[in-house]
N, C-alpha and C. Protein backbone atom coordinates (compact mmCIF):
# COMPACT_ATOMS: atom_id res chain seq x y z
N MET A 1 23.60 -18.30 246.13
CA MET A 1 23.25 -17.85 244.80
C MET A 1 23.70 -16.41 244.63
N ILE A 2 24.36 -16.14 243.56
CA ILE A 2 24.82 -14.78 243.26
C ILE A 2 23.79 -14.12 242.36
N MET A 3 23.40 -12.89 242.73
CA MET A 3 22.41 -12.15 241.96
C MET A 3 22.96 -10.78 241.61
N THR A 4 22.53 -10.25 240.47
CA THR A 4 22.82 -8.86 240.17
C THR A 4 21.77 -8.01 240.87
N SER A 5 22.01 -6.73 240.97
CA SER A 5 21.07 -5.86 241.68
C SER A 5 19.70 -5.85 240.99
N GLN A 6 19.63 -6.11 239.70
CA GLN A 6 18.36 -6.12 238.99
C GLN A 6 17.54 -7.38 239.29
N GLU A 7 18.14 -8.39 239.92
CA GLU A 7 17.45 -9.66 240.16
C GLU A 7 16.99 -9.83 241.60
N THR A 8 17.01 -8.79 242.40
CA THR A 8 16.62 -8.93 243.80
C THR A 8 15.14 -9.20 243.94
N ASP A 9 14.75 -9.81 245.06
CA ASP A 9 13.36 -10.16 245.31
C ASP A 9 12.46 -8.93 245.38
N GLN A 10 12.96 -7.82 245.90
CA GLN A 10 12.14 -6.63 246.05
C GLN A 10 11.90 -5.91 244.73
N GLY A 11 12.66 -6.24 243.73
CA GLY A 11 12.51 -5.57 242.45
C GLY A 11 13.16 -4.20 242.42
N THR A 12 13.85 -3.83 243.48
CA THR A 12 14.55 -2.56 243.51
C THR A 12 16.03 -2.83 243.72
N ASN A 13 16.84 -1.85 243.41
CA ASN A 13 18.28 -2.04 243.52
C ASN A 13 18.75 -2.16 244.95
N GLN A 14 19.51 -3.20 245.20
CA GLN A 14 20.17 -3.37 246.49
C GLN A 14 21.42 -2.49 246.48
N GLY A 15 21.82 -2.09 247.65
CA GLY A 15 23.03 -1.29 247.75
C GLY A 15 23.57 -1.32 249.16
N MET A 16 24.71 -0.69 249.33
CA MET A 16 25.38 -0.64 250.62
C MET A 16 25.13 0.73 251.24
N LEU A 17 24.40 0.73 252.36
CA LEU A 17 24.25 1.94 253.15
C LEU A 17 25.41 1.95 254.14
N THR A 18 26.21 2.99 254.09
CA THR A 18 27.35 3.12 254.99
C THR A 18 27.12 4.33 255.89
N LEU A 19 27.31 4.11 257.18
CA LEU A 19 27.18 5.17 258.18
C LEU A 19 28.49 5.29 258.92
N THR A 20 28.98 6.49 259.10
CA THR A 20 30.15 6.74 259.93
C THR A 20 29.69 7.63 261.08
N ALA A 21 30.00 7.19 262.31
CA ALA A 21 29.47 7.87 263.49
C ALA A 21 30.52 7.96 264.59
N PRO A 22 30.34 8.89 265.52
CA PRO A 22 31.25 8.97 266.67
C PRO A 22 31.19 7.69 267.50
N LYS A 23 32.32 7.30 268.06
CA LYS A 23 32.38 6.10 268.92
C LYS A 23 31.43 6.21 270.10
N THR A 24 31.14 7.42 270.54
CA THR A 24 30.30 7.61 271.72
C THR A 24 28.88 7.09 271.54
N ILE A 25 28.41 6.94 270.30
CA ILE A 25 27.06 6.44 270.08
C ILE A 25 27.05 5.05 269.46
N GLU A 26 28.20 4.38 269.45
CA GLU A 26 28.29 3.05 268.83
C GLU A 26 27.27 2.08 269.42
N GLU A 27 27.22 1.95 270.73
CA GLU A 27 26.31 0.98 271.36
C GLU A 27 24.85 1.32 271.07
N SER A 28 24.53 2.59 271.05
CA SER A 28 23.15 3.00 270.73
C SER A 28 22.79 2.63 269.30
N LEU A 29 23.75 2.77 268.37
CA LEU A 29 23.49 2.39 266.98
C LEU A 29 23.38 0.87 266.83
N VAL A 30 24.22 0.14 267.54
CA VAL A 30 24.11 -1.33 267.52
C VAL A 30 22.71 -1.73 267.99
N ASP A 31 22.26 -1.15 269.10
CA ASP A 31 20.91 -1.44 269.61
C ASP A 31 19.84 -1.06 268.60
N PHE A 32 20.02 0.09 267.93
CA PHE A 32 19.08 0.56 266.91
C PHE A 32 18.90 -0.51 265.84
N PHE A 33 19.99 -1.05 265.33
CA PHE A 33 19.89 -2.05 264.26
C PHE A 33 19.42 -3.41 264.78
N LEU A 34 19.87 -3.82 265.95
CA LEU A 34 19.43 -5.11 266.50
C LEU A 34 17.95 -5.10 266.87
N ASP A 35 17.42 -3.95 267.27
CA ASP A 35 16.02 -3.85 267.65
C ASP A 35 15.10 -3.57 266.47
N SER A 36 15.66 -3.43 265.28
CA SER A 36 14.87 -3.09 264.10
C SER A 36 13.89 -4.21 263.75
N ASP A 37 12.71 -3.83 263.31
CA ASP A 37 11.71 -4.81 262.86
C ASP A 37 12.15 -5.52 261.58
N HIS A 38 13.08 -4.93 260.86
CA HIS A 38 13.49 -5.48 259.57
C HIS A 38 14.61 -6.51 259.69
N HIS A 39 15.15 -6.68 260.88
CA HIS A 39 16.21 -7.67 261.12
C HIS A 39 17.37 -7.53 260.14
N TYR A 40 17.91 -6.33 260.06
CA TYR A 40 19.04 -6.08 259.18
C TYR A 40 20.27 -6.80 259.71
N GLY A 41 21.00 -7.45 258.83
CA GLY A 41 22.34 -7.88 259.17
C GLY A 41 23.25 -6.70 258.87
N PHE A 42 24.24 -6.48 259.68
CA PHE A 42 25.10 -5.33 259.45
C PHE A 42 26.51 -5.65 259.93
N THR A 43 27.43 -4.86 259.47
CA THR A 43 28.83 -4.96 259.86
C THR A 43 29.22 -3.65 260.53
N SER A 44 29.98 -3.74 261.62
CA SER A 44 30.53 -2.53 262.23
C SER A 44 32.05 -2.64 262.25
N ILE A 45 32.68 -1.52 261.96
CA ILE A 45 34.12 -1.49 261.78
C ILE A 45 34.68 -0.25 262.48
N PRO A 46 35.71 -0.40 263.32
CA PRO A 46 36.35 0.81 263.87
C PRO A 46 37.13 1.51 262.76
N VAL A 47 36.93 2.82 262.64
CA VAL A 47 37.61 3.61 261.60
C VAL A 47 38.15 4.89 262.23
N ARG A 48 39.00 5.58 261.48
CA ARG A 48 39.50 6.89 261.88
C ARG A 48 39.05 7.90 260.85
N GLY A 49 38.36 8.94 261.32
CA GLY A 49 37.90 9.99 260.44
C GLY A 49 38.94 11.10 260.37
N HIS A 50 39.12 11.65 259.19
CA HIS A 50 40.08 12.74 258.97
C HIS A 50 39.33 13.91 258.33
N THR A 51 39.47 15.09 258.93
CA THR A 51 38.81 16.27 258.40
C THR A 51 39.54 17.52 258.89
N SER A 52 39.38 18.60 258.14
CA SER A 52 39.94 19.87 258.59
C SER A 52 38.96 20.60 259.50
N ASP A 53 37.73 20.11 259.60
CA ASP A 53 36.73 20.67 260.52
C ASP A 53 36.93 20.04 261.89
N HIS A 54 37.39 20.79 262.85
CA HIS A 54 37.74 20.26 264.16
C HIS A 54 36.59 20.30 265.16
N SER A 55 35.41 20.72 264.73
CA SER A 55 34.28 20.77 265.67
C SER A 55 33.95 19.35 266.15
N GLY A 56 33.77 19.23 267.44
CA GLY A 56 33.45 17.93 268.03
C GLY A 56 34.66 17.05 268.29
N MET A 57 35.85 17.54 267.99
CA MET A 57 37.06 16.75 268.20
C MET A 57 37.72 17.14 269.52
N SER A 58 38.26 16.15 270.22
CA SER A 58 39.01 16.44 271.44
C SER A 58 40.33 17.10 271.06
N MET A 59 41.03 17.62 272.06
CA MET A 59 42.33 18.26 271.81
C MET A 59 43.31 17.25 271.21
N ILE A 60 43.33 16.04 271.73
CA ILE A 60 44.22 14.99 271.21
C ILE A 60 43.88 14.68 269.76
N GLU A 61 42.59 14.58 269.45
CA GLU A 61 42.17 14.29 268.07
C GLU A 61 42.58 15.44 267.14
N GLN A 62 42.48 16.67 267.61
CA GLN A 62 42.89 17.80 266.79
C GLN A 62 44.39 17.75 266.51
N VAL A 63 45.19 17.40 267.51
CA VAL A 63 46.64 17.34 267.35
C VAL A 63 47.04 16.19 266.42
N THR A 64 46.41 15.02 266.59
CA THR A 64 46.78 13.85 265.78
C THR A 64 46.16 13.90 264.38
N GLY A 65 45.12 14.71 264.21
CA GLY A 65 44.49 14.84 262.90
C GLY A 65 43.54 13.71 262.56
N ARG A 66 43.09 12.97 263.55
CA ARG A 66 42.15 11.89 263.28
C ARG A 66 41.20 11.70 264.47
N GLN A 67 40.02 11.24 264.14
CA GLN A 67 39.00 11.03 265.15
C GLN A 67 38.55 9.58 265.11
N GLU A 68 38.56 8.93 266.27
CA GLU A 68 38.11 7.54 266.35
C GLU A 68 36.60 7.51 266.12
N GLN A 69 36.18 6.70 265.16
CA GLN A 69 34.77 6.59 264.81
C GLN A 69 34.43 5.12 264.60
N VAL A 70 33.17 4.87 264.31
CA VAL A 70 32.71 3.53 263.97
C VAL A 70 31.93 3.63 262.66
N GLN A 71 32.09 2.63 261.82
CA GLN A 71 31.39 2.61 260.55
C GLN A 71 30.47 1.39 260.51
N PHE A 72 29.25 1.60 260.05
CA PHE A 72 28.29 0.52 259.88
C PHE A 72 28.00 0.36 258.40
N GLN A 73 27.91 -0.89 257.96
CA GLN A 73 27.55 -1.19 256.58
C GLN A 73 26.36 -2.14 256.60
N ILE A 74 25.31 -1.78 255.83
CA ILE A 74 24.08 -2.55 255.80
C ILE A 74 23.66 -2.70 254.35
N LEU A 75 23.43 -3.94 253.91
CA LEU A 75 22.97 -4.19 252.54
C LEU A 75 21.45 -4.14 252.54
N VAL A 76 20.90 -3.12 251.88
CA VAL A 76 19.46 -2.90 251.83
C VAL A 76 19.10 -2.32 250.47
N ASP A 77 17.79 -2.22 250.19
CA ASP A 77 17.41 -1.53 248.96
C ASP A 77 17.32 -0.03 249.26
N GLU A 78 17.19 0.77 248.23
CA GLU A 78 17.24 2.23 248.41
C GLU A 78 16.11 2.74 249.28
N ALA A 79 14.91 2.18 249.15
CA ALA A 79 13.79 2.62 249.98
C ALA A 79 14.07 2.33 251.46
N GLN A 80 14.64 1.17 251.76
CA GLN A 80 15.00 0.85 253.14
C GLN A 80 16.08 1.79 253.65
N ALA A 81 17.06 2.12 252.80
CA ALA A 81 18.12 3.05 253.20
C ALA A 81 17.53 4.40 253.57
N ARG A 82 16.59 4.88 252.78
CA ARG A 82 15.94 6.16 253.08
C ARG A 82 15.18 6.09 254.40
N GLU A 83 14.47 4.99 254.62
CA GLU A 83 13.70 4.81 255.86
C GLU A 83 14.64 4.79 257.08
N ILE A 84 15.74 4.06 256.96
CA ILE A 84 16.72 3.99 258.05
C ILE A 84 17.24 5.39 258.37
N CYS A 85 17.62 6.13 257.34
CA CYS A 85 18.17 7.47 257.55
C CYS A 85 17.15 8.41 258.19
N LEU A 86 15.88 8.29 257.80
CA LEU A 86 14.85 9.12 258.42
C LEU A 86 14.67 8.77 259.90
N ARG A 87 14.68 7.48 260.22
CA ARG A 87 14.57 7.06 261.62
C ARG A 87 15.78 7.50 262.43
N LEU A 88 16.97 7.41 261.83
CA LEU A 88 18.18 7.86 262.51
C LEU A 88 18.14 9.36 262.76
N GLU A 89 17.63 10.10 261.79
CA GLU A 89 17.55 11.56 261.94
C GLU A 89 16.66 11.94 263.13
N VAL A 90 15.58 11.20 263.32
CA VAL A 90 14.69 11.47 264.45
C VAL A 90 15.37 11.12 265.78
N MET A 91 16.02 9.97 265.82
CA MET A 91 16.59 9.47 267.07
C MET A 91 17.96 10.06 267.42
N PHE A 92 18.74 10.45 266.39
CA PHE A 92 20.13 10.87 266.62
C PHE A 92 20.43 12.23 265.99
N SER A 93 19.45 13.10 265.92
CA SER A 93 19.64 14.41 265.30
C SER A 93 20.83 15.14 265.95
N GLY A 94 21.73 15.63 265.10
CA GLY A 94 22.88 16.39 265.59
C GLY A 94 24.01 15.54 266.14
N ALA A 95 23.93 14.22 266.01
CA ALA A 95 24.94 13.32 266.59
C ALA A 95 26.21 13.21 265.74
N GLY A 96 26.17 13.74 264.53
CA GLY A 96 27.36 13.68 263.68
C GLY A 96 27.48 12.41 262.86
N ILE A 97 26.36 11.81 262.49
CA ILE A 97 26.38 10.61 261.65
C ILE A 97 26.46 11.06 260.19
N HIS A 98 27.41 10.50 259.47
CA HIS A 98 27.55 10.76 258.04
C HIS A 98 27.14 9.48 257.32
N PHE A 99 26.38 9.59 256.23
CA PHE A 99 25.93 8.39 255.53
C PHE A 99 26.04 8.54 254.03
N TRP A 100 26.09 7.40 253.34
CA TRP A 100 25.99 7.37 251.89
C TRP A 100 25.49 6.00 251.47
N PHE A 101 24.93 5.94 250.27
CA PHE A 101 24.35 4.72 249.72
C PHE A 101 24.91 4.51 248.32
N LEU A 102 25.46 3.34 248.08
CA LEU A 102 26.00 2.99 246.77
C LEU A 102 25.31 1.73 246.28
N THR A 103 24.80 1.77 245.05
CA THR A 103 24.14 0.60 244.48
C THR A 103 25.14 -0.53 244.29
N ALA A 104 24.71 -1.73 244.66
CA ALA A 104 25.56 -2.91 244.49
C ALA A 104 25.23 -3.57 243.14
N SER A 105 26.24 -3.85 242.36
CA SER A 105 25.99 -4.50 241.08
C SER A 105 25.99 -6.02 241.21
N LEU A 106 26.51 -6.53 242.32
CA LEU A 106 26.56 -7.97 242.52
C LEU A 106 26.47 -8.24 244.01
N GLU A 107 25.71 -9.28 244.38
CA GLU A 107 25.49 -9.59 245.79
C GLU A 107 25.14 -11.06 245.89
N GLY A 108 25.57 -11.72 246.95
CA GLY A 108 25.20 -13.11 247.15
C GLY A 108 25.98 -13.76 248.27
N ARG A 109 25.78 -15.05 248.46
CA ARG A 109 26.50 -15.84 249.47
C ARG A 109 27.17 -17.01 248.76
N ILE A 110 28.34 -17.35 249.25
CA ILE A 110 29.06 -18.51 248.70
C ILE A 110 29.29 -19.51 249.81
């Protein structure tokens, strides 16, 4: 069934929480989501981060201009996204996780 974000069971807007993190904490983040009480389904994708800020980058990454990272995408409502980010901040403070949340206008399974 395909639903718009206004038709979700929770009555709040569903959206995509996206996290980009260093590869070094990938397994810890996978465990974080798999061990969650909320049983989030998520997607993880290898990505390359590009920035002019070289802090935390190896010499090779600085020369090539890209950093190997992992990206997680989780479909949740905004309140859940905030809760996840607060829990991540406690567990992974200073780890270099970047996040954003975008409201989904359409969601479903075919």
